[in-house]
Amino acid sequence: MDELELLKKDWKNRDSELPKLSYNEIYKMILKKSSSIVKWIFLISVIEFVLWSSIDIMVRLSGEYDDLEILGLENFSVISTILSYGILIYFIVRFYINYKNIKTTDSASVLMKNILNTRKTVKQYVWVNISFLSLTTLVVIMYMTFYTDTYEAQSADQNIPLYVVIITSVLVLAVFIGLLALLYRVVYGILTRRLKKNYQELQKLEV
């Protein structure tokens, strides 16, 4: 049994006293735990931004993006990269604002609202990232299929029907997106579940 549970048990057993001090102690502990969780969400998003940026820079320096110029996708690559950075920065700022809001919360009702807002932001972050990555990759696949002979040449070289090459590419994308979604679910899911538990504890306090 953790310290919060012990305090709650002690508070419930002290019926002869108004639980003013104990209530405040429990609330402050929930506030501290929630603030710490949201801080970790913010830090993980910053780490993710640095990681993706580093990968992008290394790939560009290695010359892997030269093929995109040949295919006529250079402008699309630049625009999609700017948009992806913009999305990451936007949510990093929102996570930081959520952290500051929770850290300075002075009532249980407001803290509950901030916890819900944070969980909503995390869900939006995950779905927007996955949707954007899926959309941009599908656009590249469609462009290569209908406006270049890349897939057709590949299927001819390997003696494989064109539709098989396309379906394989889509399936590989689906597997990658699935693994990314699983990673997000594990990393951010653990933190949001802890926030949900704190929210439920606050609901009990408010009864």
Protein backbone atom coordinates (compact mmCIF):
# COMPACT_ATOMS: atom_id res chain seq x y z
CA MET A 1 0.00 0.00 0.00
CA ASP A 2 1.53 3.32 -1.06
CA GLU A 3 1.65 6.54 0.94
CA LEU A 4 -1.42 7.99 -0.76
CA GLU A 5 -3.53 4.94 0.10
CA LEU A 6 -2.38 5.09 3.73
CA LEU A 7 -3.34 8.75 3.97
CA LYS A 8 -6.75 8.04 2.45
CA LYS A 9 -7.35 5.18 4.87
CA ASP A 10 -6.33 7.35 7.82
CA TRP A 11 -8.54 10.18 6.61
CA LYS A 12 -11.61 7.93 6.34
CA ASN A 13 -11.02 6.52 9.84
CA ARG A 14 -10.89 9.95 11.46
CA ASP A 15 -14.65 10.59 11.49
CA SER A 16 -14.45 12.71 14.63
CA GLU A 17 -12.46 15.40 12.87
CA LEU A 18 -13.14 17.42 9.78
CA PRO A 19 -10.60 16.13 7.26
CA LYS A 20 -9.37 19.58 6.27
CA LEU A 21 -5.64 18.94 6.75
CA SER A 22 -5.79 15.35 5.52
CA TYR A 23 -7.81 16.40 2.50
CA ASN A 24 -5.18 19.01 1.64
CA GLU A 25 -2.38 16.50 2.09
CA ILE A 26 -4.06 13.98 -0.20
CA TYR A 27 -4.86 16.64 -2.77
CA LYS A 28 -1.29 17.95 -2.77
CA MET A 29 0.04 14.44 -3.23
CA ILE A 30 -2.27 13.83 -6.21
CA LEU A 31 -1.27 17.22 -7.60
CA LYS A 32 2.42 16.36 -7.27
CA LYS A 33 1.97 12.97 -8.93
CA SER A 34 -0.10 14.42 -11.77
CA SER A 35 2.40 17.23 -12.34
CA SER A 36 5.23 14.70 -12.50
CA ILE A 37 3.35 12.55 -15.04
CA VAL A 38 2.56 15.49 -17.32
CA LYS A 39 6.18 16.63 -17.04
CA TRP A 40 7.28 13.21 -18.30
CA ILE A 41 4.81 13.43 -21.19
CA PHE A 42 6.35 16.77 -22.13
CA LEU A 43 9.91 15.46 -21.83
CA ILE A 44 9.16 12.33 -23.89
CA SER A 45 7.65 14.46 -26.65
CA VAL A 46 10.81 16.60 -26.69
CA ILE A 47 12.98 13.47 -26.88
CA GLU A 48 10.81 12.17 -29.72
CA PHE A 49 11.25 15.47 -31.59
CA VAL A 50 15.03 15.31 -31.17
CA LEU A 51 15.07 11.67 -32.28
CA TRP A 52 13.01 12.21 -35.46
CA SER A 53 14.98 15.36 -36.28
CA SER A 54 18.28 13.53 -35.88
CA ILE A 55 17.12 10.67 -38.11
CA ASP A 56 15.91 13.13 -40.76
CA ILE A 57 19.20 15.06 -40.70
CA MET A 58 21.30 11.89 -40.94
CA VAL A 59 19.23 10.57 -43.85
CA ARG A 60 19.54 13.87 -45.70
CA LEU A 61 23.30 14.03 -45.12
CA SER A 62 23.67 10.46 -46.38
CA GLY A 63 22.13 11.47 -49.71
CA GLU A 64 19.12 9.16 -49.43
CA TYR A 65 16.80 12.03 -50.32
CA ASP A 66 18.48 12.46 -53.71
CA ASP A 67 16.14 9.83 -55.15
CA LEU A 68 13.15 12.01 -54.20
CA GLU A 69 14.52 14.80 -56.38
CA ILE A 70 14.82 12.39 -59.29
CA LEU A 71 11.21 11.28 -58.76
CA GLY A 72 9.98 14.87 -58.50
CA LEU A 73 9.10 14.57 -54.84
CA GLU A 74 11.62 17.04 -53.47
CA ASN A 75 9.07 19.82 -52.88
CA PHE A 76 6.62 17.37 -51.33
CA SER A 77 9.41 16.13 -49.04
CA VAL A 78 10.24 19.65 -47.89
CA ILE A 79 6.59 20.57 -47.28
CA SER A 80 5.78 17.34 -45.43
CA THR A 81 8.91 17.69 -43.29
CA ILE A 82 8.00 21.27 -42.33
CA LEU A 83 4.46 20.17 -41.49
CA SER A 84 5.67 17.23 -39.40
CA TYR A 85 8.03 19.49 -37.44
CA GLY A 86 5.20 21.97 -37.02
CA ILE A 87 2.91 19.27 -35.62
CA LEU A 88 5.55 18.08 -33.16
CA ILE A 89 6.37 21.61 -31.99
CA TYR A 90 2.67 22.47 -31.63
CA PHE A 91 2.02 19.50 -29.35
CA ILE A 92 5.24 20.04 -27.40
CA VAL A 93 4.01 23.55 -26.61
CA ARG A 94 0.59 22.19 -25.62
CA PHE A 95 2.17 19.57 -23.34
CA TYR A 96 4.26 22.29 -21.71
CA ILE A 97 1.17 24.47 -21.19
CA ASN A 98 -0.66 21.48 -19.68
CA TYR A 99 2.27 20.91 -17.34
CA LYS A 100 2.31 24.55 -16.22
CA ASN A 101 -1.47 24.55 -15.74
CA ILE A 102 -1.41 21.43 -13.58
CA LYS A 103 1.63 22.56 -11.62
CA THR A 104 -0.11 25.79 -10.59
CA THR A 105 -3.58 24.31 -10.00
CA ASP A 106 -5.15 25.36 -6.69
CA SER A 107 -8.35 23.29 -6.57
CA ALA A 108 -9.38 19.68 -7.12
CA SER A 109 -12.06 20.57 -9.68
CA VAL A 110 -9.60 22.52 -11.83
CA LEU A 111 -7.02 19.76 -11.48
CA MET A 112 -9.59 17.24 -12.72
CA LYS A 113 -10.30 19.44 -15.72
CA ASN A 114 -6.58 19.81 -16.48
CA ILE A 115 -6.05 16.05 -16.25
CA LEU A 116 -8.85 15.49 -18.77
CA ASN A 117 -7.36 18.14 -21.07
CA THR A 118 -3.94 16.49 -20.88
CA ARG A 119 -5.30 13.04 -21.70
CA LYS A 120 -7.25 14.53 -24.60
CA THR A 121 -4.09 16.25 -25.90
CA VAL A 122 -2.13 13.00 -25.75
CA LYS A 123 -4.81 11.15 -27.72
CA GLN A 124 -4.85 13.93 -30.33
CA TYR A 125 -1.05 13.85 -30.54
CA VAL A 126 -0.96 10.11 -31.18
CA TRP A 127 -3.74 10.10 -33.78
CA VAL A 128 -2.49 13.18 -35.63
CA ASN A 129 1.06 11.79 -35.84
CA ILE A 130 -0.06 8.38 -37.05
CA SER A 131 -2.59 9.84 -39.51
CA PHE A 132 -0.07 12.30 -40.94
CA LEU A 133 2.58 9.63 -41.40
CA SER A 134 0.07 7.25 -43.03
CA LEU A 135 -1.27 9.94 -45.35
CA THR A 136 2.13 11.20 -46.53
CA THR A 137 3.41 7.67 -47.15
CA LEU A 138 0.26 6.70 -49.08
CA VAL A 139 0.62 9.83 -51.20
CA VAL A 140 4.19 8.80 -52.07
CA ILE A 141 3.04 5.26 -52.95
CA MET A 142 0.21 6.56 -55.12
CA TYR A 143 2.50 9.05 -56.85
CA MET A 144 5.11 6.40 -57.56
CA THR A 145 2.39 4.09 -58.88
CA PHE A 146 0.60 6.48 -61.25
CA TYR A 147 3.18 9.13 -62.12
CA THR A 148 6.47 7.22 -62.28
CA ASP A 149 7.60 3.84 -63.57
CA THR A 150 9.38 2.98 -60.29
CA TYR A 151 7.03 0.20 -59.18
CA GLU A 152 6.56 -1.03 -62.73
CA ALA A 153 10.34 -1.30 -63.23
CA GLN A 154 10.70 -2.99 -59.84
CA SER A 155 8.02 -5.56 -60.64
CA ALA A 156 9.61 -6.21 -64.06
CA ASP A 157 13.06 -6.70 -62.53
CA GLN A 158 11.74 -9.14 -59.96
CA ASN A 159 9.24 -10.77 -62.33
CA ILE A 160 6.44 -9.96 -59.89
CA PRO A 161 3.04 -8.47 -60.87
CA LEU A 162 2.78 -4.72 -60.24
CA TYR A 163 -0.22 -5.05 -57.95
CA VAL A 164 1.73 -7.44 -55.71
CA VAL A 165 4.52 -4.87 -55.31
CA ILE A 166 1.97 -2.17 -54.42
CA ILE A 167 0.07 -4.38 -51.98
CA THR A 168 3.35 -5.41 -50.34
CA SER A 169 4.33 -1.78 -49.92
CA VAL A 170 0.97 -0.96 -48.31
CA LEU A 171 1.23 -3.98 -45.99
CA VAL A 172 4.74 -2.99 -44.91
CA LEU A 173 3.39 0.50 -44.19
CA ALA A 174 0.50 -0.98 -42.19
CA VAL A 175 2.89 -3.09 -40.09
CA PHE A 176 5.14 -0.10 -39.43
CA ILE A 177 2.17 2.08 -38.45
CA GLY A 178 0.88 -0.70 -36.22
CA LEU A 179 4.23 -0.99 -34.43
CA LEU A 180 4.39 2.78 -34.01
CA ALA A 181 0.85 2.84 -32.61
CA LEU A 182 1.79 0.04 -30.20
CA LEU A 183 4.86 1.98 -29.08
CA TYR A 184 2.76 5.09 -28.49
CA ARG A 185 0.21 3.02 -26.60
CA VAL A 186 2.88 1.56 -24.33
CA VAL A 187 4.77 4.79 -23.65
CA TYR A 188 1.96 7.34 -23.48
CA GLY A 189 -0.67 4.80 -22.45
CA ILE A 190 1.09 4.04 -19.17
CA LEU A 191 1.26 7.73 -18.30
CA THR A 192 -2.34 8.51 -19.30
CA ARG A 193 -3.62 5.54 -17.30
CA ARG A 194 -1.84 6.92 -14.25
CA LEU A 195 -3.48 10.27 -14.89
CA LYS A 196 -6.84 8.52 -15.13
CA LYS A 197 -6.20 6.87 -11.76
CA ASN A 198 -5.40 10.26 -10.24
CA TYR A 199 -8.61 11.64 -11.73
CA GLN A 200 -10.60 8.84 -10.11
CA GLU A 201 -8.92 9.57 -6.76
CA LEU A 202 -9.92 13.21 -7.07
CA GLN A 203 -13.50 12.19 -7.79
CA LYS A 204 -13.54 10.27 -4.50
CA LEU A 205 -12.21 13.31 -2.65
CA GLU A 206 -14.93 15.51 -4.10
CA VAL A 207 -17.75 13.20 -2.98
